[in-house]
Amino acid sequence: MCAVFLLGGFITAFLTLALIASTMTVSGNMAGNVSVISMLYTLSAVAGPLFAGAAMKATHADALMWFTAAAAVVMAWVLSMGIGAKTASSN
């Protein structure tokens, strides 16, 4: 049960990282970037439970936690690839 709470905390951390990244874009449109992130987060907060309920009905409740963990790994990988590309281009 503790793993579920940790996983939820890690997923929430991606919102913070997305907001930080949206303020550091080269476009200079910080307000627009943060607005888009906020709207997408709100949309996912509404649609997420609907999809999660359907997934839990179709499979098993434990499958949802594994899917969430896999999504977190993919997001961390994408984030690390973006950071690596920025580091390489700045050198």
N, C-alpha and C. Protein backbone atom coordinates (compact mmCIF):
# COMPACT_ATOMS: atom_id res chain seq x y z
N MET A 1 0.82 -1.19 0.00
CA MET A 1 0.00 0.00 0.00
C MET A 1 0.87 1.26 0.00
N CYS A 2 2.00 1.20 0.66
CA CYS A 2 2.91 2.35 0.70
C CYS A 2 3.42 2.68 -0.70
N ALA A 3 3.63 1.65 -1.51
CA ALA A 3 4.12 1.87 -2.88
C ALA A 3 3.14 2.69 -3.70
N VAL A 4 1.85 2.49 -3.46
CA VAL A 4 0.83 3.24 -4.20
C VAL A 4 0.93 4.74 -3.88
N PHE A 5 1.12 5.07 -2.61
CA PHE A 5 1.26 6.46 -2.22
C PHE A 5 2.55 7.08 -2.78
N LEU A 6 3.63 6.31 -2.75
CA LEU A 6 4.88 6.81 -3.33
C LEU A 6 4.74 7.05 -4.83
N LEU A 7 4.09 6.11 -5.51
CA LEU A 7 3.89 6.24 -6.95
C LEU A 7 3.04 7.48 -7.26
N GLY A 8 2.01 7.71 -6.48
CA GLY A 8 1.19 8.90 -6.66
C GLY A 8 1.98 10.17 -6.46
N GLY A 9 2.87 10.18 -5.48
CA GLY A 9 3.71 11.34 -5.25
C GLY A 9 4.68 11.59 -6.38
N PHE A 10 5.23 10.51 -6.93
CA PHE A 10 6.15 10.67 -8.05
C PHE A 10 5.44 11.18 -9.29
N ILE A 11 4.23 10.71 -9.53
CA ILE A 11 3.47 11.16 -10.70
C ILE A 11 3.15 12.65 -10.56
N THR A 12 2.79 13.08 -9.35
CA THR A 12 2.49 14.49 -9.12
C THR A 12 3.73 15.35 -9.33
N ALA A 13 4.89 14.82 -9.07
CA ALA A 13 6.13 15.58 -9.27
C ALA A 13 6.33 15.94 -10.73
N PHE A 14 5.79 15.14 -11.65
CA PHE A 14 5.93 15.46 -13.07
C PHE A 14 5.20 16.75 -13.43
N LEU A 15 4.11 17.07 -12.71
CA LEU A 15 3.44 18.35 -12.95
C LEU A 15 4.36 19.51 -12.60
N THR A 16 5.04 19.39 -11.48
CA THR A 16 5.97 20.44 -11.08
C THR A 16 7.09 20.58 -12.11
N LEU A 17 7.64 19.47 -12.55
CA LEU A 17 8.70 19.52 -13.56
C LEU A 17 8.20 20.10 -14.88
N ALA A 18 6.95 19.78 -15.25
CA ALA A 18 6.39 20.33 -16.48
C ALA A 18 6.21 21.83 -16.38
N LEU A 19 5.78 22.31 -15.22
CA LEU A 19 5.62 23.75 -15.04
C LEU A 19 6.96 24.47 -15.09
N ILE A 20 7.97 23.88 -14.47
CA ILE A 20 9.30 24.48 -14.52
C ILE A 20 9.81 24.52 -15.96
N ALA A 21 9.65 23.39 -16.66
CA ALA A 21 10.12 23.33 -18.05
C ALA A 21 9.37 24.32 -18.93
N SER A 22 8.08 24.52 -18.66
CA SER A 22 7.30 25.44 -19.51
C SER A 22 7.72 26.89 -19.33
N THR A 23 8.33 27.20 -18.21
CA THR A 23 8.80 28.58 -18.00
C THR A 23 10.18 28.81 -18.60
N MET A 24 10.85 27.75 -19.02
CA MET A 24 12.21 27.87 -19.53
C MET A 24 12.31 27.64 -21.03
N THR A 25 11.20 27.72 -21.74
CA THR A 25 11.26 27.49 -23.18
C THR A 25 11.82 28.71 -23.89
N VAL A 26 12.32 28.49 -25.08
CA VAL A 26 12.92 29.57 -25.85
C VAL A 26 11.88 30.46 -26.50
N SER A 27 10.62 30.01 -26.53
CA SER A 27 9.58 30.81 -27.18
C SER A 27 9.30 32.10 -26.42
N GLY A 28 9.54 32.09 -25.12
CA GLY A 28 9.30 33.28 -24.31
C GLY A 28 7.86 33.49 -23.93
N ASN A 29 6.99 32.58 -24.29
CA ASN A 29 5.57 32.70 -23.98
C ASN A 29 5.25 31.93 -22.70
N MET A 30 5.78 32.40 -21.58
CA MET A 30 5.63 31.69 -20.32
C MET A 30 4.17 31.55 -19.91
N ALA A 31 3.39 32.61 -20.01
CA ALA A 31 1.98 32.57 -19.59
C ALA A 31 1.20 31.57 -20.43
N GLY A 32 1.44 31.56 -21.73
CA GLY A 32 0.75 30.61 -22.60
C GLY A 32 1.13 29.17 -22.31
N ASN A 33 2.43 28.94 -22.07
CA ASN A 33 2.90 27.58 -21.78
C ASN A 33 2.32 27.07 -20.47
N VAL A 34 2.31 27.90 -19.44
CA VAL A 34 1.78 27.47 -18.14
C VAL A 34 0.26 27.26 -18.26
N SER A 35 -0.42 28.07 -19.06
CA SER A 35 -1.86 27.89 -19.25
C SER A 35 -2.16 26.55 -19.92
N VAL A 36 -1.38 26.21 -20.92
CA VAL A 36 -1.59 24.92 -21.61
C VAL A 36 -1.35 23.76 -20.65
N ILE A 37 -0.27 23.82 -19.87
CA ILE A 37 0.01 22.75 -18.90
C ILE A 37 -1.13 22.64 -17.90
N SER A 38 -1.63 23.77 -17.41
CA SER A 38 -2.72 23.76 -16.43
C SER A 38 -4.00 23.17 -17.02
N MET A 39 -4.31 23.53 -18.26
CA MET A 39 -5.52 22.99 -18.90
C MET A 39 -5.39 21.49 -19.15
N LEU A 40 -4.22 21.05 -19.59
CA LEU A 40 -4.02 19.61 -19.80
C LEU A 40 -4.10 18.84 -18.49
N TYR A 41 -3.56 19.42 -17.42
CA TYR A 41 -3.64 18.76 -16.12
C TYR A 41 -5.09 18.66 -15.65
N THR A 42 -5.86 19.71 -15.86
CA THR A 42 -7.27 19.69 -15.48
C THR A 42 -8.04 18.66 -16.29
N LEU A 43 -7.79 18.62 -17.58
CA LEU A 43 -8.45 17.63 -18.44
C LEU A 43 -8.09 16.21 -18.01
N SER A 44 -6.83 15.98 -17.69
CA SER A 44 -6.43 14.63 -17.27
C SER A 44 -7.00 14.28 -15.91
N ALA A 45 -7.22 15.28 -15.05
CA ALA A 45 -7.83 15.01 -13.74
C ALA A 45 -9.29 14.60 -13.88
N VAL A 46 -9.94 15.06 -14.94
CA VAL A 46 -11.33 14.68 -15.19
C VAL A 46 -11.41 13.35 -15.93
N ALA A 47 -10.62 13.21 -16.99
CA ALA A 47 -10.69 12.02 -17.83
C ALA A 47 -9.97 10.82 -17.21
N GLY A 48 -8.94 11.07 -16.41
CA GLY A 48 -8.17 9.98 -15.83
C GLY A 48 -8.98 8.98 -15.04
N PRO A 49 -9.79 9.44 -14.08
CA PRO A 49 -10.60 8.48 -13.32
C PRO A 49 -11.59 7.70 -14.18
N LEU A 50 -12.10 8.32 -15.24
CA LEU A 50 -13.01 7.60 -16.12
C LEU A 50 -12.28 6.44 -16.81
N PHE A 51 -11.10 6.74 -17.36
CA PHE A 51 -10.32 5.68 -18.01
C PHE A 51 -9.84 4.65 -17.00
N ALA A 52 -9.46 5.10 -15.81
CA ALA A 52 -8.99 4.17 -14.78
C ALA A 52 -10.10 3.22 -14.36
N GLY A 53 -11.30 3.74 -14.19
CA GLY A 53 -12.44 2.88 -13.83
C GLY A 53 -12.71 1.84 -14.90
N ALA A 54 -12.65 2.25 -16.15
CA ALA A 54 -12.87 1.31 -17.25
C ALA A 54 -11.76 0.26 -17.30
N ALA A 55 -10.52 0.70 -17.08
CA ALA A 55 -9.40 -0.25 -17.09
C ALA A 55 -9.50 -1.24 -15.95
N MET A 56 -9.92 -0.76 -14.78
CA MET A 56 -10.03 -1.66 -13.63
C MET A 56 -11.18 -2.64 -13.83
N LYS A 57 -12.26 -2.24 -14.49
CA LYS A 57 -13.35 -3.17 -14.78
C LYS A 57 -12.92 -4.21 -15.81
N ALA A 58 -12.17 -3.77 -16.81
CA ALA A 58 -11.76 -4.67 -17.89
C ALA A 58 -10.68 -5.65 -17.45
N THR A 59 -9.82 -5.23 -16.54
CA THR A 59 -8.73 -6.11 -16.10
C THR A 59 -8.85 -6.35 -14.60
N HIS A 60 -7.85 -5.99 -13.87
CA HIS A 60 -7.82 -6.14 -12.43
C HIS A 60 -7.29 -4.84 -11.83
N ALA A 61 -7.65 -4.56 -10.61
CA ALA A 61 -7.23 -3.29 -9.99
C ALA A 61 -5.71 -3.17 -9.90
N ASP A 62 -5.00 -4.28 -9.73
CA ASP A 62 -3.54 -4.23 -9.66
C ASP A 62 -2.91 -3.83 -10.99
N ALA A 63 -3.60 -4.13 -12.08
CA ALA A 63 -3.06 -3.79 -13.40
C ALA A 63 -2.95 -2.27 -13.56
N LEU A 64 -3.84 -1.54 -12.92
CA LEU A 64 -3.80 -0.08 -13.01
C LEU A 64 -2.52 0.47 -12.38
N MET A 65 -2.12 -0.10 -11.23
CA MET A 65 -0.89 0.37 -10.59
C MET A 65 0.32 0.08 -11.47
N TRP A 66 0.35 -1.08 -12.12
CA TRP A 66 1.47 -1.42 -12.99
C TRP A 66 1.49 -0.52 -14.22
N PHE A 67 0.32 -0.20 -14.76
CA PHE A 67 0.26 0.72 -15.89
C PHE A 67 0.76 2.11 -15.49
N THR A 68 0.36 2.56 -14.30
CA THR A 68 0.80 3.87 -13.81
C THR A 68 2.31 3.88 -13.60
N ALA A 69 2.85 2.79 -13.08
CA ALA A 69 4.30 2.69 -12.89
C ALA A 69 5.02 2.73 -14.24
N ALA A 70 4.48 2.02 -15.22
CA ALA A 70 5.09 2.03 -16.55
C ALA A 70 5.03 3.42 -17.17
N ALA A 71 3.91 4.11 -16.98
CA ALA A 71 3.79 5.48 -17.51
C ALA A 71 4.79 6.41 -16.84
N ALA A 72 5.02 6.22 -15.54
CA ALA A 72 6.00 7.05 -14.83
C ALA A 72 7.41 6.80 -15.35
N VAL A 73 7.73 5.56 -15.65
CA VAL A 73 9.05 5.23 -16.20
C VAL A 73 9.23 5.88 -17.57
N VAL A 74 8.19 5.81 -18.41
CA VAL A 74 8.27 6.41 -19.74
C VAL A 74 8.43 7.93 -19.62
N MET A 75 7.66 8.57 -18.72
CA MET A 75 7.79 10.02 -18.55
C MET A 75 9.17 10.40 -18.04
N ALA A 76 9.72 9.60 -17.13
CA ALA A 76 11.07 9.88 -16.62
C ALA A 76 12.10 9.72 -17.74
N TRP A 77 11.92 8.72 -18.58
CA TRP A 77 12.84 8.52 -19.70
C TRP A 77 12.78 9.69 -20.68
N VAL A 78 11.55 10.12 -21.02
CA VAL A 78 11.39 11.26 -21.93
C VAL A 78 12.02 12.51 -21.33
N LEU A 79 11.80 12.72 -20.05
CA LEU A 79 12.38 13.88 -19.37
C LEU A 79 13.90 13.82 -19.39
N SER A 80 14.46 12.64 -19.14
CA SER A 80 15.92 12.52 -19.13
C SER A 80 16.49 12.70 -20.53
N MET A 81 15.76 12.28 -21.56
CA MET A 81 16.24 12.48 -22.93
C MET A 81 16.23 13.97 -23.27
N GLY A 82 15.22 14.69 -22.81
CA GLY A 82 15.15 16.13 -23.06
C GLY A 82 16.26 16.87 -22.34
N ILE A 83 16.54 16.48 -21.12
CA ILE A 83 17.61 17.12 -20.35
C ILE A 83 18.96 16.81 -21.00
N GLY A 84 19.14 15.58 -21.44
CA GLY A 84 20.39 15.20 -22.09
C GLY A 84 20.60 15.97 -23.39
N ALA A 85 19.52 16.19 -24.14
CA ALA A 85 19.64 16.93 -25.40
C ALA A 85 19.97 18.38 -25.14
N LYS A 86 19.38 18.98 -24.10
CA LYS A 86 19.67 20.37 -23.78
C LYS A 86 21.12 20.52 -23.31
N THR A 87 21.59 19.56 -22.52
CA THR A 87 22.96 19.62 -22.02
C THR A 87 23.95 19.51 -23.18
N ALA A 88 23.66 18.60 -24.12
CA ALA A 88 24.57 18.40 -25.26
C ALA A 88 24.58 19.64 -26.17
N SER A 89 23.40 20.27 -26.34
CA SER A 89 23.36 21.42 -27.24
C SER A 89 23.98 22.68 -26.62
N SER A 90 24.02 22.75 -25.28
CA SER A 90 24.60 23.93 -24.65
C SER A 90 26.11 23.85 -24.58
N ASN A 91 26.67 22.65 -24.78
CA ASN A 91 28.15 22.52 -24.72
C ASN A 91 28.78 22.81 -26.03
